[in-house]
Amino acid sequence: MGIIISIVIGVLAGFIAGKVMKGSGFGFIVNLIVGIVGGFLGGNVLSWVGIDWGATIVGHLVTAVVGAVLLLWIISLFSKKR
């Protein structure tokens, strides 16, 4: 997949995950980072459980969103004030 498509998918995944987990996005750069790391995390976690949504743009986006939501959930576990 091209670098431009990867960046667009990363930004979209980070934005969608931000809306799902927090209610708002985090800005372009943070959305990009969360989306790209989420894509990597989602791809690995979903492959461990045997889920593959195909090599389409929509499949990559869904995988990245799942991973980004998982990443934000893990971050929220460590950032809660006790």
PDB file of N, CA and C in Angstrom:
ATOM      1  N   MET A   1       0.854  -1.164   0.000  1.00  0.00           N
ATOM      2  CA  MET A   1       0.000   0.000   0.000  1.00  0.00           C
ATOM      3  C   MET A   1       0.904   1.231   0.000  1.00  0.00           C
ATOM      4  N   GLY A   2       0.493   2.244  -0.692  1.00  0.00           N
ATOM      5  CA  GLY A   2       1.292   3.453  -0.772  1.00  0.00           C
ATOM      6  C   GLY A   2       1.339   4.220   0.537  1.00  0.00           C
ATOM      7  N   ILE A   3       2.368   5.008   0.681  1.00  0.00           N
ATOM      8  CA  ILE A   3       2.574   5.770   1.922  1.00  0.00           C
ATOM      9  C   ILE A   3       1.455   6.788   2.124  1.00  0.00           C
ATOM     10  N   ILE A   4       0.965   7.383   1.070  1.00  0.00           N
ATOM     11  CA  ILE A   4      -0.120   8.366   1.198  1.00  0.00           C
ATOM     12  C   ILE A   4      -1.389   7.688   1.697  1.00  0.00           C
ATOM     13  N   ILE A   5      -1.708   6.524   1.139  1.00  0.00           N
ATOM     14  CA  ILE A   5      -2.892   5.783   1.583  1.00  0.00           C
ATOM     15  C   ILE A   5      -2.735   5.366   3.036  1.00  0.00           C
ATOM     16  N   SER A   6      -1.527   4.940   3.423  1.00  0.00           N
ATOM     17  CA  SER A   6      -1.277   4.544   4.814  1.00  0.00           C
ATOM     18  C   SER A   6      -1.475   5.715   5.763  1.00  0.00           C
ATOM     19  N   ILE A   7      -1.018   6.883   5.365  1.00  0.00           N
ATOM     20  CA  ILE A   7      -1.189   8.071   6.204  1.00  0.00           C
ATOM     21  C   ILE A   7      -2.668   8.422   6.332  1.00  0.00           C
ATOM     22  N   VAL A   8      -3.388   8.391   5.224  1.00  0.00           N
ATOM     23  CA  VAL A   8      -4.820   8.707   5.258  1.00  0.00           C
ATOM     24  C   VAL A   8      -5.563   7.704   6.137  1.00  0.00           C
ATOM     25  N   ILE A   9      -5.267   6.421   5.988  1.00  0.00           N
ATOM     26  CA  ILE A   9      -5.909   5.402   6.821  1.00  0.00           C
ATOM     27  C   ILE A   9      -5.535   5.605   8.285  1.00  0.00           C
ATOM     28  N   GLY A  10      -4.277   5.931   8.562  1.00  0.00           N
ATOM     29  CA  GLY A  10      -3.846   6.182   9.938  1.00  0.00           C
ATOM     30  C   GLY A  10      -4.573   7.354  10.576  1.00  0.00           C
ATOM     31  N   VAL A  11      -4.703   8.441   9.827  1.00  0.00           N
ATOM     32  CA  VAL A  11      -5.416   9.620  10.348  1.00  0.00           C
ATOM     33  C   VAL A  11      -6.887   9.303  10.586  1.00  0.00           C
ATOM     34  N   LEU A  12      -7.511   8.637   9.621  1.00  0.00           N
ATOM     35  CA  LEU A  12      -8.930   8.279   9.784  1.00  0.00           C
ATOM     36  C   LEU A  12      -9.134   7.329  10.962  1.00  0.00           C
ATOM     37  N   ALA A  13      -8.273   6.338  11.079  1.00  0.00           N
ATOM     38  CA  ALA A  13      -8.396   5.376  12.180  1.00  0.00           C
ATOM     39  C   ALA A  13      -8.202   6.060  13.521  1.00  0.00           C
ATOM     40  N   GLY A  14      -7.216   6.938  13.622  1.00  0.00           N
ATOM     41  CA  GLY A  14      -6.999   7.670  14.871  1.00  0.00           C
ATOM     42  C   GLY A  14      -8.165   8.578  15.209  1.00  0.00           C
ATOM     43  N   PHE A  15      -8.721   9.242  14.196  1.00  0.00           N
ATOM     44  CA  PHE A  15      -9.864  10.121  14.406  1.00  0.00           C
ATOM     45  C   PHE A  15     -11.083   9.325  14.877  1.00  0.00           C
ATOM     46  N   ILE A  16     -11.367   8.217  14.191  1.00  0.00           N
ATOM     47  CA  ILE A  16     -12.527   7.391  14.559  1.00  0.00           C
ATOM     48  C   ILE A  16     -12.340   6.807  15.956  1.00  0.00           C
ATOM     49  N   ALA A  17     -11.146   6.324  16.254  1.00  0.00           N
ATOM     50  CA  ALA A  17     -10.881   5.764  17.588  1.00  0.00           C
ATOM     51  C   ALA A  17     -11.012   6.839  18.656  1.00  0.00           C
ATOM     52  N   GLY A  18     -10.555   8.053  18.355  1.00  0.00           N
ATOM     53  CA  GLY A  18     -10.709   9.161  19.296  1.00  0.00           C
ATOM     54  C   GLY A  18     -12.169   9.469  19.571  1.00  0.00           C
ATOM     55  N   LYS A  19     -12.989   9.418  18.538  1.00  0.00           N
ATOM     56  CA  LYS A  19     -14.424   9.647  18.722  1.00  0.00           C
ATOM     57  C   LYS A  19     -15.054   8.530  19.550  1.00  0.00           C
ATOM     58  N   VAL A  20     -14.654   7.294  19.290  1.00  0.00           N
ATOM     59  CA  VAL A  20     -15.226   6.153  20.007  1.00  0.00           C
ATOM     60  C   VAL A  20     -14.815   6.164  21.476  1.00  0.00           C
ATOM     61  N   MET A  21     -13.559   6.432  21.749  1.00  0.00           N
ATOM     62  CA  MET A  21     -13.045   6.296  23.112  1.00  0.00           C
ATOM     63  C   MET A  21     -13.174   7.554  23.955  1.00  0.00           C
ATOM     64  N   LYS A  22     -13.038   8.714  23.363  1.00  0.00           N
ATOM     65  CA  LYS A  22     -12.994   9.943  24.149  1.00  0.00           C
ATOM     66  C   LYS A  22     -14.096  10.920  23.793  1.00  0.00           C
ATOM     67  N   GLY A  23     -14.587  10.840  22.590  1.00  0.00           N
ATOM     68  CA  GLY A  23     -15.620  11.768  22.167  1.00  0.00           C
ATOM     69  C   GLY A  23     -15.121  12.857  21.258  1.00  0.00           C
ATOM     70  N   SER A  24     -13.801  12.969  21.087  1.00  0.00           N
ATOM     71  CA  SER A  24     -13.254  13.952  20.153  1.00  0.00           C
ATOM     72  C   SER A  24     -11.890  13.479  19.682  1.00  0.00           C
ATOM     73  N   GLY A  25     -11.457  14.021  18.568  1.00  0.00           N
ATOM     74  CA  GLY A  25     -10.148  13.671  18.045  1.00  0.00           C
ATOM     75  C   GLY A  25      -9.045  14.342  18.833  1.00  0.00           C
ATOM     76  N   PHE A  26      -7.814  13.982  18.530  1.00  0.00           N
ATOM     77  CA  PHE A  26      -6.673  14.506  19.275  1.00  0.00           C
ATOM     78  C   PHE A  26      -5.821  15.468  18.470  1.00  0.00           C
ATOM     79  N   GLY A  27      -6.177  15.731  17.238  1.00  0.00           N
ATOM     80  CA  GLY A  27      -5.358  16.549  16.360  1.00  0.00           C
ATOM     81  C   GLY A  27      -4.680  15.658  15.327  1.00  0.00           C
ATOM     82  N   PHE A  28      -4.239  16.269  14.253  1.00  0.00           N
ATOM     83  CA  PHE A  28      -3.725  15.524  13.108  1.00  0.00           C
ATOM     84  C   PHE A  28      -2.558  14.610  13.468  1.00  0.00           C
ATOM     85  N   ILE A  29      -1.550  15.138  14.127  1.00  0.00           N
ATOM     86  CA  ILE A  29      -0.332  14.365  14.407  1.00  0.00           C
ATOM     87  C   ILE A  29      -0.619  13.206  15.354  1.00  0.00           C
ATOM     88  N   VAL A  30      -1.333  13.449  16.432  1.00  0.00           N
ATOM     89  CA  VAL A  30      -1.629  12.386  17.392  1.00  0.00           C
ATOM     90  C   VAL A  30      -2.563  11.353  16.767  1.00  0.00           C
ATOM     91  N   ASN A  31      -3.551  11.792  15.984  1.00  0.00           N
ATOM     92  CA  ASN A  31      -4.422  10.858  15.274  1.00  0.00           C
ATOM     93  C   ASN A  31      -3.606   9.981  14.329  1.00  0.00           C
ATOM     94  N   LEU A  32      -2.648  10.579  13.651  1.00  0.00           N
ATOM     95  CA  LEU A  32      -1.795   9.824  12.741  1.00  0.00           C
ATOM     96  C   LEU A  32      -0.996   8.765  13.493  1.00  0.00           C
ATOM     97  N   ILE A  33      -0.392   9.142  14.593  1.00  0.00           N
ATOM     98  CA  ILE A  33       0.420   8.205  15.374  1.00  0.00           C
ATOM     99  C   ILE A  33      -0.444   7.096  15.957  1.00  0.00           C
ATOM    100  N   VAL A  34      -1.573   7.467  16.554  1.00  0.00           N
ATOM    101  CA  VAL A  34      -2.474   6.463  17.128  1.00  0.00           C
ATOM    102  C   VAL A  34      -2.990   5.526  16.036  1.00  0.00           C
ATOM    103  N   GLY A  35      -3.327   6.056  14.877  1.00  0.00           N
ATOM    104  CA  GLY A  35      -3.827   5.238  13.779  1.00  0.00           C
ATOM    105  C   GLY A  35      -2.787   4.281  13.228  1.00  0.00           C
ATOM    106  N   ILE A  36      -1.554   4.746  13.064  1.00  0.00           N
ATOM    107  CA  ILE A  36      -0.496   3.884  12.530  1.00  0.00           C
ATOM    108  C   ILE A  36      -0.121   2.807  13.530  1.00  0.00           C
ATOM    109  N   VAL A  37       0.082   3.184  14.790  1.00  0.00           N
ATOM    110  CA  VAL A  37       0.381   2.184  15.820  1.00  0.00           C
ATOM    111  C   VAL A  37      -0.812   1.247  15.991  1.00  0.00           C
ATOM    112  N   GLY A  38      -2.009   1.794  15.925  1.00  0.00           N
ATOM    113  CA  GLY A  38      -3.219   0.976  16.016  1.00  0.00           C
ATOM    114  C   GLY A  38      -3.346   0.001  14.866  1.00  0.00           C
ATOM    115  N   GLY A  39      -2.943   0.413  13.671  1.00  0.00           N
ATOM    116  CA  GLY A  39      -2.963  -0.490  12.530  1.00  0.00           C
ATOM    117  C   GLY A  39      -2.028  -1.666  12.734  1.00  0.00           C
ATOM    118  N   PHE A  40      -0.846  -1.387  13.237  1.00  0.00           N
ATOM    119  CA  PHE A  40       0.110  -2.459  13.533  1.00  0.00           C
ATOM    120  C   PHE A  40      -0.420  -3.367  14.635  1.00  0.00           C
ATOM    121  N   LEU A  41      -0.904  -2.772  15.717  1.00  0.00           N
ATOM    122  CA  LEU A  41      -1.436  -3.532  16.843  1.00  0.00           C
ATOM    123  C   LEU A  41      -2.663  -4.332  16.427  1.00  0.00           C
ATOM    124  N   GLY A  42      -3.569  -3.700  15.718  1.00  0.00           N
ATOM    125  CA  GLY A  42      -4.780  -4.384  15.262  1.00  0.00           C
ATOM    126  C   GLY A  42      -4.476  -5.529  14.324  1.00  0.00           C
ATOM    127  N   GLY A  43      -3.540  -5.325  13.409  1.00  0.00           N
ATOM    128  CA  GLY A  43      -3.156  -6.390  12.499  1.00  0.00           C
ATOM    129  C   GLY A  43      -2.600  -7.597  13.228  1.00  0.00           C
ATOM    130  N   ASN A  44      -1.776  -7.347  14.237  1.00  0.00           N
ATOM    131  CA  ASN A  44      -1.199  -8.452  14.999  1.00  0.00           C
ATOM    132  C   ASN A  44      -2.241  -9.149  15.869  1.00  0.00           C
ATOM    133  N   VAL A  45      -3.014  -8.384  16.599  1.00  0.00           N
ATOM    134  CA  VAL A  45      -4.007  -8.982  17.504  1.00  0.00           C
ATOM    135  C   VAL A  45      -5.057  -9.755  16.714  1.00  0.00           C
ATOM    136  N   LEU A  46      -5.544  -9.183  15.642  1.00  0.00           N
ATOM    137  CA  LEU A  46      -6.568  -9.872  14.859  1.00  0.00           C
ATOM    138  C   LEU A  46      -6.018 -11.122  14.178  1.00  0.00           C
ATOM    139  N   SER A  47      -4.754 -11.100  13.780  1.00  0.00           N
ATOM    140  CA  SER A  47      -4.181 -12.307  13.180  1.00  0.00           C
ATOM    141  C   SER A  47      -3.992 -13.402  14.220  1.00  0.00           C
ATOM    142  N   TRP A  48      -3.743 -13.016  15.475  1.00  0.00           N
ATOM    143  CA  TRP A  48      -3.601 -14.011  16.547  1.00  0.00           C
ATOM    144  C   TRP A  48      -4.907 -14.754  16.774  1.00  0.00           C
ATOM    145  N   VAL A  49      -6.032 -14.072  16.608  1.00  0.00           N
ATOM    146  CA  VAL A  49      -7.324 -14.726  16.820  1.00  0.00           C
ATOM    147  C   VAL A  49      -7.946 -15.221  15.512  1.00  0.00           C
ATOM    148  N   GLY A  50      -7.220 -15.099  14.412  1.00  0.00           N
ATOM    149  CA  GLY A  50      -7.660 -15.665  13.147  1.00  0.00           C
ATOM    150  C   GLY A  50      -8.635 -14.827  12.347  1.00  0.00           C
ATOM    151  N   ILE A  51      -8.672 -13.525  12.592  1.00  0.00           N
ATOM    152  CA  ILE A  51      -9.581 -12.647  11.847  1.00  0.00           C
ATOM    153  C   ILE A  51      -8.791 -11.920  10.768  1.00  0.00           C
ATOM    154  N   ASP A  52      -9.313 -11.951   9.535  1.00  0.00           N
ATOM    155  CA  ASP A  52      -8.682 -11.257   8.421  1.00  0.00           C
ATOM    156  C   ASP A  52      -9.786 -10.617   7.580  1.00  0.00           C
ATOM    157  N   TRP A  53      -9.763  -9.289   7.486  1.00  0.00           N
ATOM    158  CA  TRP A  53     -10.779  -8.580   6.728  1.00  0.00           C
ATOM    159  C   TRP A  53     -10.328  -8.276   5.309  1.00  0.00           C
ATOM    160  N   GLY A  54      -9.277  -8.901   4.863  1.00  0.00           N
ATOM    161  CA  GLY A  54      -8.834  -8.735   3.491  1.00  0.00           C
ATOM    162  C   GLY A  54      -7.875  -7.579   3.310  1.00  0.00           C
ATOM    163  N   ALA A  55      -7.318  -7.510   2.125  1.00  0.00           N
ATOM    164  CA  ALA A  55      -6.309  -6.506   1.816  1.00  0.00           C
ATOM    165  C   ALA A  55      -6.910  -5.297   1.105  1.00  0.00           C
ATOM    166  N   THR A  56      -8.157  -4.989   1.406  1.00  0.00           N
ATOM    167  CA  THR A  56      -8.791  -3.807   0.813  1.00  0.00           C
ATOM    168  C   THR A  56      -8.553  -2.601   1.713  1.00  0.00           C
ATOM    169  N   ILE A  57      -8.831  -1.442   1.200  1.00  0.00           N
ATOM    170  CA  ILE A  57      -8.677  -0.223   1.997  1.00  0.00           C
ATOM    171  C   ILE A  57      -9.626  -0.254   3.191  1.00  0.00           C
ATOM    172  N   VAL A  58     -10.842  -0.719   2.980  1.00  0.00           N
ATOM    173  CA  VAL A  58     -11.810  -0.804   4.073  1.00  0.00           C
ATOM    174  C   VAL A  58     -11.332  -1.811   5.125  1.00  0.00           C
ATOM    175  N   GLY A  59     -10.781  -2.928   4.688  1.00  0.00           N
ATOM    176  CA  GLY A  59     -10.250  -3.918   5.619  1.00  0.00           C
ATOM    177  C   GLY A  59      -9.112  -3.368   6.450  1.00  0.00           C
ATOM    178  N   HIS A  60      -8.211  -2.620   5.810  1.00  0.00           N
ATOM    179  CA  HIS A  60      -7.108  -1.989   6.533  1.00  0.00           C
ATOM    180  C   HIS A  60      -7.624  -0.930   7.510  1.00  0.00           C
ATOM    181  N   LEU A  61      -8.629  -0.171   7.091  1.00  0.00           N
ATOM    182  CA  LEU A  61      -9.193   0.861   7.958  1.00  0.00           C
ATOM    183  C   LEU A  61      -9.854   0.240   9.190  1.00  0.00           C
ATOM    184  N   VAL A  62     -10.641  -0.796   8.990  1.00  0.00           N
ATOM    185  CA  VAL A  62     -11.315  -1.451  10.120  1.00  0.00           C
ATOM    186  C   VAL A  62     -10.280  -2.055  11.076  1.00  0.00           C
ATOM    187  N   THR A  63      -9.247  -2.691  10.528  1.00  0.00           N
ATOM    188  CA  THR A  63      -8.189  -3.257  11.358  1.00  0.00           C
ATOM    189  C   THR A  63      -7.478  -2.172  12.153  1.00  0.00           C
ATOM    190  N   ALA A  64      -7.172  -1.053  11.507  1.00  0.00           N
ATOM    191  CA  ALA A  64      -6.495   0.049  12.188  1.00  0.00           C
ATOM    192  C   ALA A  64      -7.380   0.675  13.256  1.00  0.00           C
ATOM    193  N   VAL A  65      -8.685   0.789  12.994  1.00  0.00           N
ATOM    194  CA  VAL A  65      -9.597   1.353  13.996  1.00  0.00           C
ATOM    195  C   VAL A  65      -9.675   0.435  15.215  1.00  0.00           C
ATOM    196  N   VAL A  66      -9.800  -0.863  14.978  1.00  0.00           N
ATOM    197  CA  VAL A  66      -9.845  -1.818  16.101  1.00  0.00           C
ATOM    198  C   VAL A  66      -8.569  -1.714  16.920  1.00  0.00           C
ATOM    199  N   GLY A  67      -7.433  -1.672  16.248  1.00  0.00           N
ATOM    200  CA  GLY A  67      -6.164  -1.548  16.957  1.00  0.00           C
ATOM    201  C   GLY A  67      -6.012  -0.228  17.692  1.00  0.00           C
ATOM    202  N   ALA A  68      -6.462   0.860  17.079  1.00  0.00           N
ATOM    203  CA  ALA A  68      -6.365   2.175  17.708  1.00  0.00           C
ATOM    204  C   ALA A  68      -7.274   2.271  18.931  1.00  0.00           C
ATOM    205  N   VAL A  69      -8.473   1.699  18.853  1.00  0.00           N
ATOM    206  CA  VAL A  69      -9.368   1.680  20.017  1.00  0.00           C
ATOM    207  C   VAL A  69      -8.731   0.852  21.134  1.00  0.00           C
ATOM    208  N   LEU A  70      -8.146  -0.284  20.777  1.00  0.00           N
ATOM    209  CA  LEU A  70      -7.462  -1.114  21.761  1.00  0.00           C
ATOM    210  C   LEU A  70      -6.298  -0.359  22.391  1.00  0.00           C
ATOM    211  N   LEU A  71      -5.533   0.344  21.571  1.00  0.00           N
ATOM    212  CA  LEU A  71      -4.415   1.139  22.076  1.00  0.00           C
ATOM    213  C   LEU A  71      -4.889   2.227  23.029  1.00  0.00           C
ATOM    214  N   LEU A  72      -5.929   2.958  22.656  1.00  0.00           N
ATOM    215  CA  LEU A  72      -6.451   4.013  23.529  1.00  0.00           C
ATOM    216  C   LEU A  72      -7.022   3.437  24.819  1.00  0.00           C
ATOM    217  N   TRP A  73      -7.631   2.262  24.750  1.00  0.00           N
ATOM    218  CA  TRP A  73      -8.146   1.615  25.950  1.00  0.00           C
ATOM    219  C   TRP A  73      -7.004   1.247  26.892  1.00  0.00           C
ATOM    220  N   ILE A  74      -5.919   0.687  26.338  1.00  0.00           N
ATOM    221  CA  ILE A  74      -4.751   0.327  27.153  1.00  0.00           C
ATOM    222  C   ILE A  74      -4.145   1.571  27.780  1.00  0.00           C
ATOM    223  N   ILE A  75      -4.030   2.650  27.009  1.00  0.00           N
ATOM    224  CA  ILE A  75      -3.489   3.907  27.535  1.00  0.00           C
ATOM    225  C   ILE A  75      -4.376   4.439  28.652  1.00  0.00           C
ATOM    226  N   SER A  76      -5.699   4.319  28.499  1.00  0.00           N
ATOM    227  CA  SER A  76      -6.605   4.826  29.528  1.00  0.00           C
ATOM    228  C   SER A  76      -6.477   4.037  30.827  1.00  0.00           C
ATOM    229  N   LEU A  77      -6.099   2.767  30.745  1.00  0.00           N
ATOM    230  CA  LEU A  77      -5.897   1.976  31.962  1.00  0.00           C
ATOM    231  C   LEU A  77      -4.738   2.517  32.790  1.00  0.00           C
ATOM    232  N   PHE A  78      -3.699   2.998  32.109  1.00  0.00           N
ATOM    233  CA  PHE A  78      -2.524   3.499  32.808  1.00  0.00           C
ATOM    234  C   PHE A  78      -2.637   4.968  33.200  1.00  0.00           C
ATOM    235  N   SER A  79      -3.519   5.699  32.560  1.00  0.00           N
ATOM    236  CA  SER A  79      -3.593   7.135  32.828  1.00  0.00           C
ATOM    237  C   SER A  79      -4.681   7.531  33.825  1.00  0.00           C
ATOM    238  N   LYS A  80      -5.451   6.557  34.309  1.00  0.00           N
ATOM    239  CA  LYS A  80      -6.478   6.881  35.278  1.00  0.00           C
ATOM    240  C   LYS A  80      -5.844   7.270  36.606  1.00  0.00           C
ATOM    241  N   LYS A  81      -6.356   8.330  37.172  1.00  0.00           N
ATOM    242  CA  LYS A  81      -5.866   8.764  38.480  1.00  0.00           C
ATOM    243  C   LYS A  81      -6.599   7.991  39.564  1.00  0.00           C
ATOM    244  N   ARG A  82      -5.867   7.505  40.500  1.00  0.00           N
ATOM    245  CA  ARG A  82      -6.463   6.679  41.561  1.00  0.00           C
ATOM    246  C   ARG A  82      -6.533   7.423  42.845  1.00  0.00           C
TER     247      ARG A  82
END
